[in-house]
N, C-alpha and C. Protein backbone atom coordinates (compact mmCIF):
# COMPACT_ATOMS: atom_id res chain seq x y z
N MET A 1 -33.86 -21.36 -26.57
CA MET A 1 -33.08 -21.20 -25.22
C MET A 1 -33.66 -22.19 -24.30
N LEU A 2 -33.37 -22.71 -23.88
CA LEU A 2 -33.88 -23.50 -22.72
C LEU A 2 -33.62 -22.57 -21.48
N ILE A 3 -34.79 -22.34 -21.08
CA ILE A 3 -34.71 -21.64 -19.24
C ILE A 3 -35.25 -21.94 -18.36
N SER A 4 -34.55 -21.89 -17.38
CA SER A 4 -35.04 -23.07 -16.38
C SER A 4 -35.37 -22.04 -14.84
N ILE A 5 -36.25 -22.10 -14.13
CA ILE A 5 -36.00 -21.26 -12.65
C ILE A 5 -36.12 -22.15 -12.18
N ASP A 6 -35.21 -21.87 -11.07
CA ASP A 6 -35.70 -22.37 -9.64
C ASP A 6 -36.74 -21.58 -8.86
N PHE A 7 -37.98 -21.77 -8.68
CA PHE A 7 -38.57 -21.29 -7.68
C PHE A 7 -38.20 -21.95 -6.12
N GLU A 8 -37.41 -22.89 -5.87
CA GLU A 8 -36.78 -22.82 -4.63
C GLU A 8 -35.95 -22.19 -4.03
N SER A 9 -35.07 -21.88 -5.26
CA SER A 9 -33.82 -21.40 -4.59
C SER A 9 -33.75 -19.70 -3.98
N ASP A 10 -32.96 -19.29 -3.74
CA ASP A 10 -33.23 -18.15 -2.77
C ASP A 10 -32.46 -16.86 -3.60
N VAL A 11 -31.87 -17.28 -5.24
CA VAL A 11 -31.40 -16.28 -5.79
C VAL A 11 -32.74 -15.75 -7.16
N PRO A 12 -32.98 -14.51 -6.25
CA PRO A 12 -33.88 -14.01 -7.00
C PRO A 12 -34.79 -14.41 -8.40
N LEU A 13 -35.62 -14.30 -8.90
CA LEU A 13 -36.01 -14.92 -10.35
C LEU A 13 -35.36 -14.24 -11.06
N TYR A 14 -35.37 -12.77 -11.37
CA TYR A 14 -34.60 -11.81 -12.08
C TYR A 14 -33.33 -11.86 -12.53
N THR A 15 -32.97 -12.42 -11.44
CA THR A 15 -31.32 -12.70 -11.22
C THR A 15 -31.00 -14.19 -11.96
N GLN A 16 -31.54 -15.04 -11.50
CA GLN A 16 -31.70 -16.14 -12.67
C GLN A 16 -31.84 -16.37 -13.84
N LEU A 17 -32.84 -15.22 -14.42
CA LEU A 17 -33.27 -15.22 -15.89
C LEU A 17 -32.00 -14.41 -16.37
N LYS A 18 -31.44 -13.02 -16.02
CA LYS A 18 -30.39 -12.21 -16.51
C LYS A 18 -29.33 -13.60 -16.71
N SER A 19 -28.82 -14.16 -15.56
CA SER A 19 -27.67 -15.48 -15.78
C SER A 19 -27.91 -16.34 -17.02
N GLN A 20 -29.29 -16.49 -17.00
CA GLN A 20 -29.41 -17.69 -18.42
C GLN A 20 -29.08 -16.53 -19.24
N ILE A 21 -29.61 -15.90 -19.77
CA ILE A 21 -29.75 -15.09 -20.94
C ILE A 21 -28.51 -14.18 -21.04
N VAL A 22 -27.40 -14.29 -20.52
CA VAL A 22 -26.42 -13.66 -20.19
C VAL A 22 -25.35 -15.31 -20.11
N GLN A 23 -25.68 -16.26 -20.47
CA GLN A 23 -24.93 -17.28 -20.49
C GLN A 23 -25.17 -18.25 -21.56
N GLY A 24 -26.51 -17.68 -22.15
CA GLY A 24 -26.89 -17.97 -23.61
C GLY A 24 -26.09 -17.14 -24.41
N ILE A 25 -26.37 -16.17 -24.32
CA ILE A 25 -24.87 -15.26 -25.40
C ILE A 25 -23.59 -15.62 -25.18
N ALA A 26 -22.60 -15.96 -24.22
CA ALA A 26 -21.31 -16.01 -23.72
C ALA A 26 -21.42 -17.55 -25.02
N SER A 27 -22.09 -18.52 -24.41
CA SER A 27 -21.96 -19.84 -24.93
C SER A 27 -22.45 -19.99 -26.37
N GLY A 28 -22.86 -19.08 -26.98
CA GLY A 28 -23.43 -18.94 -28.19
C GLY A 28 -24.33 -19.22 -28.72
N ARG A 29 -25.70 -19.82 -27.66
CA ARG A 29 -26.72 -20.31 -28.03
C ARG A 29 -27.64 -19.26 -28.00
N LEU A 30 -27.70 -17.72 -28.21
CA LEU A 30 -27.78 -16.86 -28.49
C LEU A 30 -27.21 -15.94 -28.84
N LYS A 31 -27.47 -15.82 -30.43
CA LYS A 31 -26.65 -14.71 -31.42
C LYS A 31 -27.15 -13.25 -31.30
N PRO A 32 -25.72 -12.46 -31.86
CA PRO A 32 -26.65 -11.09 -31.84
C PRO A 32 -27.52 -10.96 -33.00
N GLY A 33 -28.32 -10.01 -32.75
CA GLY A 33 -29.73 -10.00 -33.70
C GLY A 33 -30.84 -10.84 -33.07
N GLU A 34 -30.39 -11.87 -32.57
CA GLU A 34 -31.95 -12.45 -32.51
C GLU A 34 -32.74 -12.34 -30.99
N PRO A 35 -34.30 -12.44 -31.56
CA PRO A 35 -35.12 -11.75 -30.75
C PRO A 35 -35.02 -12.74 -29.50
N LEU A 36 -35.61 -11.76 -28.47
CA LEU A 36 -36.22 -12.62 -27.26
C LEU A 36 -37.55 -12.76 -27.14
N PRO A 37 -38.33 -13.34 -26.52
CA PRO A 37 -40.00 -13.07 -26.61
C PRO A 37 -40.14 -12.26 -25.55
N SER A 38 -41.09 -11.84 -26.13
CA SER A 38 -41.81 -10.33 -25.79
C SER A 38 -41.72 -10.93 -23.88
N VAL A 39 -41.99 -9.34 -23.25
CA VAL A 39 -42.36 -9.72 -21.91
C VAL A 39 -43.34 -10.65 -21.33
N ARG A 40 -44.15 -10.54 -22.07
CA ARG A 40 -45.81 -11.03 -21.56
C ARG A 40 -45.37 -12.61 -22.18
N GLN A 41 -44.92 -13.04 -23.33
CA GLN A 41 -44.65 -14.06 -23.69
C GLN A 41 -43.37 -14.90 -22.80
N MET A 42 -42.66 -14.39 -22.27
CA MET A 42 -41.41 -14.97 -21.18
C MET A 42 -41.80 -14.95 -20.26
N ALA A 43 -43.12 -14.21 -19.81
CA ALA A 43 -43.45 -14.54 -18.23
C ALA A 43 -44.38 -15.24 -18.62
N VAL A 44 -45.56 -15.93 -19.11
CA VAL A 44 -46.41 -16.93 -19.66
C VAL A 44 -45.16 -18.37 -19.34
N ASP A 45 -44.36 -18.40 -20.54
CA ASP A 45 -43.44 -19.93 -20.78
C ASP A 45 -42.64 -19.92 -19.51
N LEU A 46 -42.28 -18.87 -18.58
CA LEU A 46 -41.69 -19.46 -17.21
C LEU A 46 -42.46 -19.41 -16.26
N GLY A 47 -44.04 -18.78 -16.46
CA GLY A 47 -44.92 -19.02 -15.14
C GLY A 47 -44.27 -17.86 -14.00
N ILE A 48 -43.69 -16.80 -14.59
CA ILE A 48 -43.45 -15.74 -13.42
C ILE A 48 -44.50 -14.61 -14.10
N ASN A 49 -44.31 -13.51 -13.19
CA ASN A 49 -44.74 -12.19 -12.78
C ASN A 49 -44.29 -11.34 -14.53
N MET A 50 -44.89 -10.53 -15.17
CA MET A 50 -44.55 -9.63 -16.36
C MET A 50 -43.61 -8.87 -15.79
N HIS A 51 -43.51 -7.96 -14.58
CA HIS A 51 -42.85 -7.69 -13.84
C HIS A 51 -41.39 -7.84 -13.64
N THR A 52 -41.42 -8.78 -13.44
CA THR A 52 -40.38 -9.60 -12.99
C THR A 52 -38.86 -9.95 -14.29
N VAL A 53 -39.77 -10.08 -15.61
CA VAL A 53 -39.11 -9.96 -16.76
C VAL A 53 -38.71 -8.96 -17.48
N ASN A 54 -39.73 -7.58 -17.26
CA ASN A 54 -39.37 -6.66 -17.29
C ASN A 54 -38.00 -6.10 -16.79
N LYS A 55 -38.39 -6.15 -15.65
CA LYS A 55 -36.98 -5.86 -14.52
C LYS A 55 -35.60 -6.10 -15.32
N THR A 56 -35.94 -7.64 -15.86
CA THR A 56 -34.67 -8.41 -16.52
C THR A 56 -34.22 -7.83 -17.49
N TYR A 57 -34.92 -7.52 -18.58
CA TYR A 57 -35.09 -6.94 -19.75
C TYR A 57 -34.37 -5.75 -19.58
N ALA A 58 -35.01 -4.61 -18.14
CA ALA A 58 -34.46 -3.36 -18.36
C ALA A 58 -32.89 -3.88 -17.82
N LEU A 59 -32.21 -4.75 -17.26
CA LEU A 59 -30.94 -4.65 -16.94
C LEU A 59 -30.26 -4.69 -17.69
N LEU A 60 -30.39 -6.11 -18.81
CA LEU A 60 -29.50 -6.60 -20.02
C LEU A 60 -29.73 -5.32 -20.61
N LYS A 61 -30.50 -4.26 -20.97
CA LYS A 61 -30.84 -3.07 -22.24
C LYS A 61 -29.03 -2.36 -21.05
N ASN A 62 -29.38 -2.30 -20.35
CA ASN A 62 -28.73 -0.83 -19.46
C ASN A 62 -27.24 -1.45 -19.44
N GLU A 63 -26.99 -2.99 -19.23
CA GLU A 63 -25.98 -3.37 -19.32
C GLU A 63 -25.08 -4.22 -20.91
N GLY A 64 -25.53 -3.80 -21.57
CA GLY A 64 -25.35 -3.55 -23.17
C GLY A 64 -25.42 -4.94 -23.80
N TYR A 65 -26.49 -6.04 -23.02
CA TYR A 65 -26.74 -7.20 -23.44
C TYR A 65 -27.76 -7.04 -24.39
N THR A 66 -28.63 -6.25 -24.40
CA THR A 66 -29.72 -6.42 -25.50
C THR A 66 -30.02 -5.06 -25.95
N VAL A 67 -30.41 -4.42 -27.16
CA VAL A 67 -31.22 -3.16 -27.51
C VAL A 67 -32.55 -3.56 -27.83
N ILE A 68 -33.19 -2.71 -27.89
CA ILE A 68 -34.44 -2.68 -27.55
C ILE A 68 -35.26 -1.73 -29.08
N HIS A 69 -36.04 -2.35 -29.75
CA HIS A 69 -36.27 -1.62 -31.02
C HIS A 69 -38.20 -1.31 -31.20
N LYS A 70 -38.27 -0.58 -31.77
CA LYS A 70 -39.86 -0.29 -31.16
C LYS A 70 -40.82 -1.63 -32.22
N ARG A 71 -40.44 -1.54 -33.25
CA ARG A 71 -41.02 -2.97 -33.84
C ARG A 71 -40.44 -4.27 -33.78
N ARG A 72 -39.38 -4.27 -33.58
CA ARG A 72 -38.98 -5.79 -33.47
C ARG A 72 -38.40 -6.25 -32.59
N GLY A 73 -38.60 -5.30 -31.13
CA GLY A 73 -38.53 -6.11 -29.64
C GLY A 73 -37.27 -5.96 -28.98
N VAL A 74 -37.18 -6.68 -28.43
CA VAL A 74 -35.67 -7.16 -27.58
C VAL A 74 -35.29 -8.10 -28.17
N MET A 75 -33.92 -7.55 -28.26
CA MET A 75 -32.82 -8.56 -29.53
C MET A 75 -31.60 -8.59 -28.07
N ILE A 76 -31.00 -9.65 -28.85
CA ILE A 76 -29.59 -9.64 -28.42
C ILE A 76 -28.73 -8.34 -29.53
N ALA A 77 -27.70 -7.86 -28.17
CA ALA A 77 -26.92 -6.99 -28.90
C ALA A 77 -25.49 -7.23 -29.45
N SER A 78 -24.98 -6.38 -30.63
CA SER A 78 -23.95 -6.95 -31.66
C SER A 78 -22.50 -7.27 -30.61
N LEU A 79 -22.22 -7.94 -30.66
CA LEU A 79 -20.75 -7.87 -29.52
C LEU A 79 -20.02 -6.23 -29.68
N GLU A 80 -19.91 -5.33 -30.72
CA GLU A 80 -19.48 -4.23 -30.26
C GLU A 80 -20.35 -3.35 -29.27
N GLN A 81 -21.98 -3.71 -29.35
CA GLN A 81 -22.75 -3.30 -28.17
C GLN A 81 -22.67 -3.38 -26.90
N MET A 82 -22.17 -4.62 -26.99
CA MET A 82 -21.81 -5.55 -25.49
C MET A 82 -20.81 -4.53 -24.85
N LYS A 83 -19.74 -4.50 -25.49
CA LYS A 83 -17.92 -4.25 -24.53
C LYS A 83 -18.42 -2.72 -24.27
N GLU A 84 -18.04 -2.78 -22.89
CA GLU A 84 -18.07 -1.60 -22.02
C GLU A 84 -17.11 -1.28 -21.13
N SER A 85 -16.22 -0.62 -21.04
CA SER A 85 -15.25 0.30 -20.80
C SER A 85 -14.81 -0.22 -19.49
N GLY A 86 -15.86 -0.31 -18.76
CA GLY A 86 -15.54 -0.23 -17.16
C GLY A 86 -15.84 -1.49 -16.55
N PHE A 87 -15.95 -2.44 -17.61
CA PHE A 87 -16.46 -4.12 -17.09
C PHE A 87 -15.23 -4.30 -16.06
N GLY A 88 -14.27 -4.21 -16.64
CA GLY A 88 -12.93 -4.83 -15.46
C GLY A 88 -13.29 -4.26 -14.10
N THR A 89 -13.30 -3.59 -13.79
CA THR A 89 -13.49 -2.85 -12.48
C THR A 89 -14.92 -3.66 -11.63
N ARG A 90 -16.19 -3.96 -12.62
CA ARG A 90 -17.37 -4.81 -12.13
C ARG A 90 -16.79 -5.83 -11.99
N LEU A 91 -15.68 -6.48 -12.78
CA LEU A 91 -15.95 -8.21 -12.89
C LEU A 91 -14.45 -8.46 -11.66
N GLU A 92 -13.73 -7.50 -11.33
CA GLU A 92 -12.91 -7.57 -10.42
C GLU A 92 -13.79 -6.78 -8.84
N GLN A 93 -14.94 -6.45 -8.79
CA GLN A 93 -15.71 -6.47 -7.57
C GLN A 93 -16.32 -7.82 -7.51
N SER A 94 -16.70 -8.06 -8.24
CA SER A 94 -17.39 -9.42 -8.50
C SER A 94 -16.55 -10.76 -7.71
N LEU A 95 -15.47 -10.45 -8.25
CA LEU A 95 -14.62 -11.49 -8.44
C LEU A 95 -13.89 -11.74 -7.12
N ARG A 96 -13.98 -10.57 -6.20
CA ARG A 96 -13.29 -9.90 -4.45
C ARG A 96 -14.42 -11.22 -3.33
N PRO A 97 -15.28 -11.37 -3.53
CA PRO A 97 -15.90 -12.18 -2.48
C PRO A 97 -15.60 -13.35 -2.91
N LEU A 98 -16.04 -14.14 -4.18
CA LEU A 98 -15.31 -15.40 -4.50
C LEU A 98 -14.13 -15.68 -4.32
N ALA A 99 -13.26 -14.69 -4.81
CA ALA A 99 -11.52 -15.61 -3.90
C ALA A 99 -12.00 -15.44 -2.47
N ALA A 100 -12.41 -14.21 -1.98
CA ALA A 100 -12.44 -14.61 -0.69
C ALA A 100 -12.99 -15.96 0.13
N GLU A 101 -13.99 -16.15 -0.43
CA GLU A 101 -14.49 -17.62 -0.04
C GLU A 101 -14.01 -18.56 -0.13
N ALA A 102 -13.18 -18.26 -1.14
CA ALA A 102 -12.27 -19.38 -1.49
C ALA A 102 -11.43 -19.76 -0.77
N ILE A 103 -10.36 -18.66 -0.13
CA ILE A 103 -9.34 -18.57 0.93
C ILE A 103 -10.01 -19.04 2.14
N CYS A 104 -11.01 -18.42 2.60
CA CYS A 104 -11.71 -19.28 3.57
C CYS A 104 -12.22 -20.42 3.53
N LYS A 105 -12.45 -21.20 2.49
CA LYS A 105 -12.80 -22.77 2.74
C LYS A 105 -11.77 -23.25 2.23
N GLY A 106 -10.31 -22.69 2.04
CA GLY A 106 -9.02 -23.52 2.03
C GLY A 106 -9.33 -24.21 0.25
N VAL A 107 -9.78 -23.35 -0.40
CA VAL A 107 -9.82 -23.52 -1.97
C VAL A 107 -7.97 -22.84 -2.39
N GLY A 108 -6.86 -23.17 -2.72
CA GLY A 108 -6.06 -22.85 -3.19
C GLY A 108 -5.84 -22.36 -4.72
N ARG A 109 -4.89 -20.84 -4.61
CA ARG A 109 -4.99 -20.09 -5.46
C ARG A 109 -4.86 -20.99 -6.95
N GLU A 110 -4.34 -22.19 -7.23
CA GLU A 110 -4.39 -23.37 -8.62
C GLU A 110 -5.21 -23.45 -8.58
N ASN A 111 -5.91 -24.11 -7.99
CA ASN A 111 -7.47 -24.64 -8.08
C ASN A 111 -8.95 -23.52 -8.62
N PHE A 112 -8.59 -22.09 -7.50
CA PHE A 112 -9.15 -21.36 -8.30
C PHE A 112 -9.35 -20.57 -9.50
N THR A 113 -7.88 -20.47 -9.88
CA THR A 113 -7.68 -20.10 -11.38
C THR A 113 -8.36 -21.54 -12.49
N ASP A 114 -7.90 -22.32 -11.85
CA ASP A 114 -8.35 -23.48 -12.93
C ASP A 114 -9.73 -23.76 -12.97
N LEU A 115 -10.45 -23.45 -12.03
CA LEU A 115 -11.88 -23.13 -11.72
C LEU A 115 -12.31 -22.27 -12.52
N CYS A 116 -12.23 -21.05 -12.62
CA CYS A 116 -12.24 -19.43 -13.47
C CYS A 116 -11.98 -20.31 -14.72
N THR A 117 -10.50 -20.84 -15.30
CA THR A 117 -10.44 -21.12 -16.53
C THR A 117 -11.70 -22.45 -17.23
N ARG A 118 -11.72 -23.40 -16.38
CA ARG A 118 -12.68 -24.23 -16.76
C ARG A 118 -14.11 -23.51 -17.18
N VAL A 119 -14.75 -22.56 -16.24
CA VAL A 119 -15.12 -22.23 -16.48
C VAL A 119 -15.76 -21.50 -17.65
N TYR A 120 -14.94 -20.43 -17.98
CA TYR A 120 -14.55 -19.59 -18.64
C TYR A 120 -14.90 -20.04 -19.95
N ARG A 121 -14.05 -21.37 -20.34
CA ARG A 121 -14.05 -22.64 -21.32
C ARG A 121 -15.66 -22.78 -21.67
N GLN A 122 -15.78 -23.29 -20.78
CA GLN A 122 -17.45 -23.74 -20.21
C GLN A 122 -18.56 -23.13 -21.35
N MET A 123 -18.06 -21.58 -20.99
CA MET A 123 -19.25 -20.80 -21.03
C MET A 123 -19.15 -20.52 -22.80
N LYS A 124 -17.31 -20.36 -23.05
CA LYS A 124 -17.51 -19.80 -24.66
C LYS A 124 -17.53 -21.12 -25.89
N GLY A 125 -17.66 -22.74 -25.40
CA GLY A 125 -18.86 -23.57 -25.68
C GLY A 125 -17.22 -24.48 -26.76
N GLY A 126 -16.23 -23.96 -26.60
CA GLY A 126 -14.81 -24.48 -27.04
C GLY A 126 -14.68 -23.60 -28.29
N LYS A 127 -15.08 -22.34 -28.32
CA LYS A 127 -14.92 -21.92 -29.29
C LYS A 127 -13.38 -21.24 -29.36
N SER A 128 -12.84 -20.95 -30.38
CA SER A 128 -11.01 -20.30 -30.29
C SER A 128 -11.18 -19.12 -29.51
N ASN A 129 -9.31 -19.09 -29.15
CA ASN A 129 -9.53 -17.61 -28.30
C ASN A 129 -9.75 -17.76 -26.94
N ALA A 130 -10.01 -19.17 -26.46
CA ALA A 130 -10.71 -19.61 -25.43
C ALA A 130 -9.32 -19.19 -24.26
């Protein structure tokens, strides 16, 4: 999976890295059981600090996207391991500011929901159940 970091962005590096890994999982480019590079290798490949990668990997583990095996390293979790009962609440909390901005900027409800649907389908990569 190709990951690119925008060093000029206001978005923290660990957030960019986490987002791209989660998008890779959602799109199917990263499969359950697939290993991620070691912290050291990822840092070297991206030209970022190892602590940044370590923080990203810790967040991914805490949110259920990855598992850590002592011998095999960081691996993409199974779909069952990724399921989280409280995710709906967190999703709603994340959507509230986006919906508020859309309202303030004059984006109508239908356009907002169409955009959400389009992004969801893009992440699913055209898979069934979209």
